[in-house]
PDB file of N, CA and C in Angstrom:
ATOM      1  N   MET A   1      55.223  68.644  39.538  1.00  0.00           N
ATOM      2  CA  MET A   1      56.273  69.053  38.542  1.00  0.00           C
ATOM      3  C   MET A   1      56.077  67.803  37.308  1.00  0.00           C
ATOM      4  N   LYS A   2      55.702  68.733  36.221  1.00  0.00           N
ATOM      5  CA  LYS A   2      55.768  67.904  35.006  1.00  0.00           C
ATOM      6  C   LYS A   2      56.696  67.970  34.212  1.00  0.00           C
ATOM      7  N   LEU A   3      57.530  66.869  33.635  1.00  0.00           N
ATOM      8  CA  LEU A   3      58.148  67.393  32.560  1.00  0.00           C
ATOM      9  C   LEU A   3      57.590  67.253  31.161  1.00  0.00           C
ATOM     10  N   MET A   4      58.595  67.964  30.126  1.00  0.00           N
ATOM     11  CA  MET A   4      58.080  68.164  28.989  1.00  0.00           C
ATOM     12  C   MET A   4      57.340  67.224  28.280  1.00  0.00           C
ATOM     13  N   ASN A   5      56.122  67.424  27.982  1.00  0.00           N
ATOM     14  CA  ASN A   5      55.231  66.411  26.972  1.00  0.00           C
ATOM     15  C   ASN A   5      55.952  65.748  25.868  1.00  0.00           C
ATOM     16  N   GLY A   6      56.153  64.302  26.107  1.00  0.00           N
ATOM     17  CA  GLY A   6      56.979  63.567  25.197  1.00  0.00           C
ATOM     18  C   GLY A   6      56.117  63.810  23.729  1.00  0.00           C
ATOM     19  N   SER A   7      54.851  63.352  23.968  1.00  0.00           N
ATOM     20  CA  SER A   7      53.882  63.179  22.659  1.00  0.00           C
ATOM     21  C   SER A   7      53.960  64.506  21.848  1.00  0.00           C
ATOM     22  N   SER A   8      53.717  65.694  22.512  1.00  0.00           N
ATOM     23  CA  SER A   8      53.631  66.909  21.495  1.00  0.00           C
ATOM     24  C   SER A   8      55.187  66.963  20.961  1.00  0.00           C
ATOM     25  N   MET A   9      56.406  66.658  21.516  1.00  0.00           N
ATOM     26  CA  MET A   9      57.864  66.986  21.029  1.00  0.00           C
ATOM     27  C   MET A   9      57.695  65.930  19.674  1.00  0.00           C
ATOM     28  N   CYS A  10      57.165  64.630  19.864  1.00  0.00           N
ATOM     29  CA  CYS A  10      57.258  63.781  18.942  1.00  0.00           C
ATOM     30  C   CYS A  10      56.429  64.124  17.523  1.00  0.00           C
ATOM     31  N   LEU A  11      55.425  64.825  17.840  1.00  0.00           N
ATOM     32  CA  LEU A  11      54.464  65.228  17.088  1.00  0.00           C
ATOM     33  C   LEU A  11      55.165  66.178  15.862  1.00  0.00           C
ATOM     34  N   THR A  12      55.876  66.923  16.356  1.00  0.00           N
ATOM     35  CA  THR A  12      56.671  68.046  16.023  1.00  0.00           C
ATOM     36  C   THR A  12      57.873  67.710  14.951  1.00  0.00           C
ATOM     37  N   VAL A  13      58.495  66.573  15.552  1.00  0.00           N
ATOM     38  CA  VAL A  13      59.537  65.719  14.883  1.00  0.00           C
ATOM     39  C   VAL A  13      58.954  64.972  13.759  1.00  0.00           C
ATOM     40  N   SER A  14      58.148  64.123  14.019  1.00  0.00           N
ATOM     41  CA  SER A  14      57.346  63.321  12.992  1.00  0.00           C
ATOM     42  C   SER A  14      57.066  64.142  11.786  1.00  0.00           C
ATOM     43  N   SER A  15      56.308  65.369  12.258  1.00  0.00           N
ATOM     44  CA  SER A  15      55.745  66.161  10.691  1.00  0.00           C
ATOM     45  C   SER A  15      56.969  66.655  10.141  1.00  0.00           C
ATOM     46  N   MET A  16      57.995  66.771  10.574  1.00  0.00           N
ATOM     47  CA  MET A  16      59.264  67.327  10.076  1.00  0.00           C
ATOM     48  C   MET A  16      59.700  66.538   9.081  1.00  0.00           C
ATOM     49  N   ALA A  17      59.669  65.056   9.668  1.00  0.00           N
ATOM     50  CA  ALA A  17      60.297  63.806   9.005  1.00  0.00           C
ATOM     51  C   ALA A  17      59.419  63.567   7.833  1.00  0.00           C
ATOM     52  N   SER A  18      57.881  63.807   7.888  1.00  0.00           N
ATOM     53  CA  SER A  18      57.182  63.465   6.720  1.00  0.00           C
ATOM     54  C   SER A  18      57.087  64.501   5.862  1.00  0.00           C
ATOM     55  N   GLY A  19      57.544  65.599   6.142  1.00  0.00           N
ATOM     56  CA  GLY A  19      57.554  66.727   5.265  1.00  0.00           C
ATOM     57  C   GLY A  19      59.002  66.810   4.275  1.00  0.00           C
ATOM     58  N   SER A  20      59.731  65.715   4.315  1.00  0.00           N
ATOM     59  CA  SER A  20      60.907  65.671   3.540  1.00  0.00           C
ATOM     60  C   SER A  20      60.392  65.014   2.204  1.00  0.00           C
ATOM     61  N   GLY A  21      61.073  65.340   1.287  1.00  0.00           N
ATOM     62  CA  GLY A  21      60.797  65.137  -0.146  1.00  0.00           C
ATOM     63  C   GLY A  21      61.062  63.674  -0.398  1.00  0.00           C
ATOM     64  N   GLN A  22      61.977  62.870  -0.007  1.00  0.00           N
ATOM     65  CA  GLN A  22      62.302  61.478  -0.074  1.00  0.00           C
ATOM     66  C   GLN A  22      61.649  60.950   0.639  1.00  0.00           C
ATOM     67  N   ILE A  23      60.310  60.156   0.278  1.00  0.00           N
ATOM     68  CA  ILE A  23      59.248  59.660   1.202  1.00  0.00           C
ATOM     69  C   ILE A  23      59.827  58.280   1.789  1.00  0.00           C
ATOM     70  N   ARG A  24      60.750  57.475   0.882  1.00  0.00           N
ATOM     71  CA  ARG A  24      61.096  56.429   1.755  1.00  0.00           C
ATOM     72  C   ARG A  24      62.117  56.658   2.922  1.00  0.00           C
ATOM     73  N   GLN A  25      62.847  57.496   2.645  1.00  0.00           N
ATOM     74  CA  GLN A  25      63.791  58.161   3.844  1.00  0.00           C
ATOM     75  C   GLN A  25      62.692  58.563   4.868  1.00  0.00           C
ATOM     76  N   ALA A  26      61.481  59.516   4.729  1.00  0.00           N
ATOM     77  CA  ALA A  26      60.828  60.052   5.382  1.00  0.00           C
ATOM     78  C   ALA A  26      60.112  58.886   6.438  1.00  0.00           C
ATOM     79  N   ASN A  27      59.867  57.977   5.516  1.00  0.00           N
ATOM     80  CA  ASN A  27      59.034  56.815   6.389  1.00  0.00           C
ATOM     81  C   ASN A  27      59.976  56.145   7.215  1.00  0.00           C
ATOM     82  N   THR A  28      61.221  55.918   6.881  1.00  0.00           N
ATOM     83  CA  THR A  28      62.206  55.248   7.694  1.00  0.00           C
ATOM     84  C   THR A  28      62.139  56.411   9.147  1.00  0.00           C
ATOM     85  N   MET A  29      62.639  57.469   8.716  1.00  0.00           N
ATOM     86  CA  MET A  29      62.555  58.594   9.985  1.00  0.00           C
ATOM     87  C   MET A  29      61.437  58.259  10.692  1.00  0.00           C
ATOM     88  N   LYS A  30      60.285  58.084  10.204  1.00  0.00           N
ATOM     89  CA  LYS A  30      58.849  58.275  11.052  1.00  0.00           C
ATOM     90  C   LYS A  30      58.821  56.943  11.943  1.00  0.00           C
ATOM     91  N   LYS A  31      59.282  55.873  11.268  1.00  0.00           N
ATOM     92  CA  LYS A  31      59.282  54.656  12.070  1.00  0.00           C
ATOM     93  C   LYS A  31      60.166  54.918  13.108  1.00  0.00           C
ATOM     94  N   ILE A  32      61.442  55.268  12.938  1.00  0.00           N
ATOM     95  CA  ILE A  32      62.635  55.436  14.065  1.00  0.00           C
ATOM     96  C   ILE A  32      61.971  56.564  15.085  1.00  0.00           C
ATOM     97  N   VAL A  33      61.406  57.538  14.608  1.00  0.00           N
ATOM     98  CA  VAL A  33      60.968  58.581  15.426  1.00  0.00           C
ATOM     99  C   VAL A  33      59.742  58.079  16.317  1.00  0.00           C
ATOM    100  N   SER A  34      58.782  57.354  15.383  1.00  0.00           N
ATOM    101  CA  SER A  34      57.594  57.040  16.723  1.00  0.00           C
ATOM    102  C   SER A  34      58.100  55.836  17.632  1.00  0.00           C
ATOM    103  N   SER A  35      59.205  55.184  17.405  1.00  0.00           N
ATOM    104  CA  SER A  35      59.430  54.008  18.320  1.00  0.00           C
ATOM    105  C   SER A  35      60.524  54.895  19.535  1.00  0.00           C
ATOM    106  N   VAL A  36      61.181  55.919  19.155  1.00  0.00           N
ATOM    107  CA  VAL A  36      61.801  56.743  20.176  1.00  0.00           C
ATOM    108  C   VAL A  36      60.885  57.643  20.958  1.00  0.00           C
ATOM    109  N   CYS A  37      59.962  58.079  20.149  1.00  0.00           N
ATOM    110  CA  CYS A  37      58.869  58.634  20.908  1.00  0.00           C
ATOM    111  C   CYS A  37      57.970  57.943  21.774  1.00  0.00           C
ATOM    112  N   ASP A  38      57.680  56.827  21.446  1.00  0.00           N
ATOM    113  CA  ASP A  38      56.863  55.927  22.340  1.00  0.00           C
ATOM    114  C   ASP A  38      57.686  55.767  23.641  1.00  0.00           C
ATOM    115  N   VAL A  39      59.203  55.362  23.506  1.00  0.00           N
ATOM    116  CA  VAL A  39      60.184  55.305  24.722  1.00  0.00           C
ATOM    117  C   VAL A  39      59.976  56.653  25.578  1.00  0.00           C
ATOM    118  N   VAL A  40      60.366  57.855  24.697  1.00  0.00           N
ATOM    119  CA  VAL A  40      60.305  59.005  25.618  1.00  0.00           C
ATOM    120  C   VAL A  40      58.862  59.273  26.191  1.00  0.00           C
ATOM    121  N   THR A  41      57.890  59.091  25.408  1.00  0.00           N
ATOM    122  CA  THR A  41      56.769  59.140  26.137  1.00  0.00           C
ATOM    123  C   THR A  41      56.262  58.422  27.362  1.00  0.00           C
ATOM    124  N   MET A  42      56.659  57.034  27.099  1.00  0.00           N
ATOM    125  CA  MET A  42      56.499  55.903  28.309  1.00  0.00           C
ATOM    126  C   MET A  42      57.389  56.600  29.550  1.00  0.00           C
ATOM    127  N   MET A  43      58.704  57.092  29.186  1.00  0.00           N
ATOM    128  CA  MET A  43      59.804  57.290  30.218  1.00  0.00           C
ATOM    129  C   MET A  43      59.198  58.558  31.071  1.00  0.00           C
ATOM    130  N   SER A  44      58.725  59.555  30.317  1.00  0.00           N
ATOM    131  CA  SER A  44      58.029  60.807  30.864  1.00  0.00           C
ATOM    132  C   SER A  44      56.773  60.441  31.730  1.00  0.00           C
ATOM    133  N   GLU A  45      56.072  59.589  31.136  1.00  0.00           N
ATOM    134  CA  GLU A  45      54.564  59.268  32.100  1.00  0.00           C
ATOM    135  C   GLU A  45      55.138  58.486  33.295  1.00  0.00           C
ATOM    136  N   ILE A  46      56.125  57.662  33.080  1.00  0.00           N
ATOM    137  CA  ILE A  46      56.687  56.909  34.417  1.00  0.00           C
ATOM    138  C   ILE A  46      57.281  57.728  35.420  1.00  0.00           C
ATOM    139  N   THR A  47      57.990  58.861  34.808  1.00  0.00           N
ATOM    140  CA  THR A  47      58.684  59.852  35.761  1.00  0.00           C
ATOM    141  C   THR A  47      57.809  60.912  36.351  1.00  0.00           C
ATOM    142  N   ASN A  48      56.665  61.075  35.683  1.00  0.00           N
ATOM    143  CA  ASN A  48      55.759  62.002  36.361  1.00  0.00           C
ATOM    144  C   ASN A  48      54.845  61.235  37.257  1.00  0.00           C
ATOM    145  N   ALA A  49      54.577  59.827  37.043  1.00  0.00           N
ATOM    146  CA  ALA A  49      53.964  59.244  38.097  1.00  0.00           C
ATOM    147  C   ALA A  49      54.788  59.182  39.380  1.00  0.00           C
ATOM    148  N   ALA A  50      55.853  58.843  39.101  1.00  0.00           N
ATOM    149  CA  ALA A  50      56.806  58.666  40.212  1.00  0.00           C
ATOM    150  C   ALA A  50      56.919  59.926  40.847  1.00  0.00           C
ATOM    151  N   MET A  51      57.276  60.919  40.271  1.00  0.00           N
ATOM    152  CA  MET A  51      57.111  62.329  40.781  1.00  0.00           C
ATOM    153  C   MET A  51      56.076  62.606  41.681  1.00  0.00           C
ATOM    154  N   ASN A  52      54.788  62.343  40.994  1.00  0.00           N
ATOM    155  CA  ASN A  52      53.342  62.737  41.857  1.00  0.00           C
ATOM    156  C   ASN A  52      53.621  61.826  43.128  1.00  0.00           C
ATOM    157  N   LYS A  53      53.801  60.405  42.909  1.00  0.00           N
ATOM    158  CA  LYS A  53      53.734  59.733  44.140  1.00  0.00           C
ATOM    159  C   LYS A  53      54.707  59.616  45.107  1.00  0.00           C
ATOM    160  N   TYR A  54      56.017  59.861  44.575  1.00  0.00           N
ATOM    161  CA  TYR A  54      57.146  60.099  45.498  1.00  0.00           C
ATOM    162  C   TYR A  54      57.647  61.398  45.556  1.00  0.00           C
ATOM    163  N   GLY A  55      56.954  62.608  45.366  1.00  0.00           N
ATOM    164  CA  GLY A  55      57.305  63.732  45.030  1.00  0.00           C
ATOM    165  C   GLY A  55      58.164  64.340  46.158  1.00  0.00           C
ATOM    166  N   VAL A  56      57.938  64.063  47.352  1.00  0.00           N
ATOM    167  CA  VAL A  56      58.856  64.834  48.395  1.00  0.00           C
ATOM    168  C   VAL A  56      59.991  64.022  48.700  1.00  0.00           C
ATOM    169  N   TYR A  57      59.627  62.627  48.537  1.00  0.00           N
ATOM    170  CA  TYR A  57      60.869  61.674  48.401  1.00  0.00           C
ATOM    171  C   TYR A  57      62.011  61.972  47.590  1.00  0.00           C
ATOM    172  N   MET A  58      61.549  62.038  46.412  1.00  0.00           N
ATOM    173  CA  MET A  58      62.370  62.107  45.205  1.00  0.00           C
ATOM    174  C   MET A  58      63.219  63.484  45.389  1.00  0.00           C
ATOM    175  N   ARG A  59      62.601  64.566  45.917  1.00  0.00           N
ATOM    176  CA  ARG A  59      63.209  66.017  45.909  1.00  0.00           C
ATOM    177  C   ARG A  59      63.987  65.794  47.247  1.00  0.00           C
ATOM    178  N   SER A  60      63.701  65.270  48.035  1.00  0.00           N
ATOM    179  CA  SER A  60      64.963  65.211  49.223  1.00  0.00           C
ATOM    180  C   SER A  60      66.029  64.560  48.973  1.00  0.00           C
ATOM    181  N   ILE A  61      66.133  63.278  47.754  1.00  0.00           N
ATOM    182  CA  ILE A  61      67.166  62.632  47.504  1.00  0.00           C
ATOM    183  C   ILE A  61      67.943  63.401  46.582  1.00  0.00           C
ATOM    184  N   VAL A  62      67.160  64.305  45.643  1.00  0.00           N
ATOM    185  CA  VAL A  62      67.988  65.082  44.852  1.00  0.00           C
ATOM    186  C   VAL A  62      68.764  66.458  45.781  1.00  0.00           C
ATOM    187  N   LEU A  63      68.028  66.929  46.737  1.00  0.00           N
ATOM    188  CA  LEU A  63      68.594  67.622  47.603  1.00  0.00           C
ATOM    189  C   LEU A  63      69.735  67.184  48.091  1.00  0.00           C
ATOM    190  N   LEU A  64      69.797  65.928  48.588  1.00  0.00           N
ATOM    191  CA  LEU A  64      70.832  65.262  49.488  1.00  0.00           C
ATOM    192  C   LEU A  64      71.768  64.984  48.571  1.00  0.00           C
ATOM    193  N   ARG A  65      71.861  64.471  47.209  1.00  0.00           N
ATOM    194  CA  ARG A  65      72.821  64.213  46.333  1.00  0.00           C
ATOM    195  C   ARG A  65      73.495  65.615  45.882  1.00  0.00           C
ATOM    196  N   SER A  66      72.964  66.645  45.925  1.00  0.00           N
ATOM    197  CA  SER A  66      73.528  67.966  45.558  1.00  0.00           C
ATOM    198  C   SER A  66      74.541  68.362  46.576  1.00  0.00           C
ATOM    199  N   TRP A  67      73.779  68.226  47.772  1.00  0.00           N
ATOM    200  CA  TRP A  67      74.387  68.419  48.894  1.00  0.00           C
ATOM    201  C   TRP A  67      75.683  67.867  49.249  1.00  0.00           C
ATOM    202  N   ILE A  68      75.659  66.464  48.992  1.00  0.00           N
ATOM    203  CA  ILE A  68      77.016  65.552  49.179  1.00  0.00           C
ATOM    204  C   ILE A  68      77.761  65.805  47.946  1.00  0.00           C
ATOM    205  N   GLN A  69      77.530  66.235  46.705  1.00  0.00           N
ATOM    206  CA  GLN A  69      78.248  66.753  45.681  1.00  0.00           C
ATOM    207  C   GLN A  69      79.058  68.019  46.143  1.00  0.00           C
ATOM    208  N   SER A  70      78.325  69.006  46.613  1.00  0.00           N
ATOM    209  CA  SER A  70      79.084  70.243  46.998  1.00  0.00           C
ATOM    210  C   SER A  70      79.945  70.111  48.022  1.00  0.00           C
ATOM    211  N   CYS A  71      79.598  69.098  48.985  1.00  0.00           N
ATOM    212  CA  CYS A  71      80.711  68.723  50.114  1.00  0.00           C
ATOM    213  C   CYS A  71      81.609  68.218  49.565  1.00  0.00           C
ATOM    214  N   SER A  72      81.728  67.269  48.575  1.00  0.00           N
ATOM    215  CA  SER A  72      82.906  66.714  47.999  1.00  0.00           C
ATOM    216  C   SER A  72      83.689  67.587  47.476  1.00  0.00           C
ATOM    217  N   LYS A  73      83.140  68.442  46.686  1.00  0.00           N
ATOM    218  CA  LYS A  73      83.779  69.671  45.914  1.00  0.00           C
ATOM    219  C   LYS A  73      84.560  70.435  47.053  1.00  0.00           C
ATOM    220  N   ILE A  74      83.930  70.665  47.915  1.00  0.00           N
ATOM    221  CA  ILE A  74      84.710  71.658  49.135  1.00  0.00           C
ATOM    222  C   ILE A  74      86.006  70.827  49.548  1.00  0.00           C
ATOM    223  N   SER A  75      85.697  69.368  49.750  1.00  0.00           N
ATOM    224  CA  SER A  75      86.637  68.569  50.650  1.00  0.00           C
ATOM    225  C   SER A  75      87.898  68.479  49.804  1.00  0.00           C
ATOM    226  N   HIS A  76      87.515  68.275  48.594  1.00  0.00           N
ATOM    227  CA  HIS A  76      88.983  68.133  47.285  1.00  0.00           C
ATOM    228  C   HIS A  76      89.468  69.384  46.885  1.00  0.00           C
TER     229      HIS A  76
END
């Protein structure tokens, strides 16, 4: 299971920012976007690695959590 690729999303956003007429603002935007993108890409890579490594384990936790939530909804 792969999450949305962070880097492709970032390229789109940064190209939109660089297309802006106000260059100083665009550069600031690019810096902000690139730093956010680095974090997003890193997070998605870590999550992908975790999903690959502990895929079955993670899925069972998610299933268990949703089961607990549905049970608590019924009981209340």
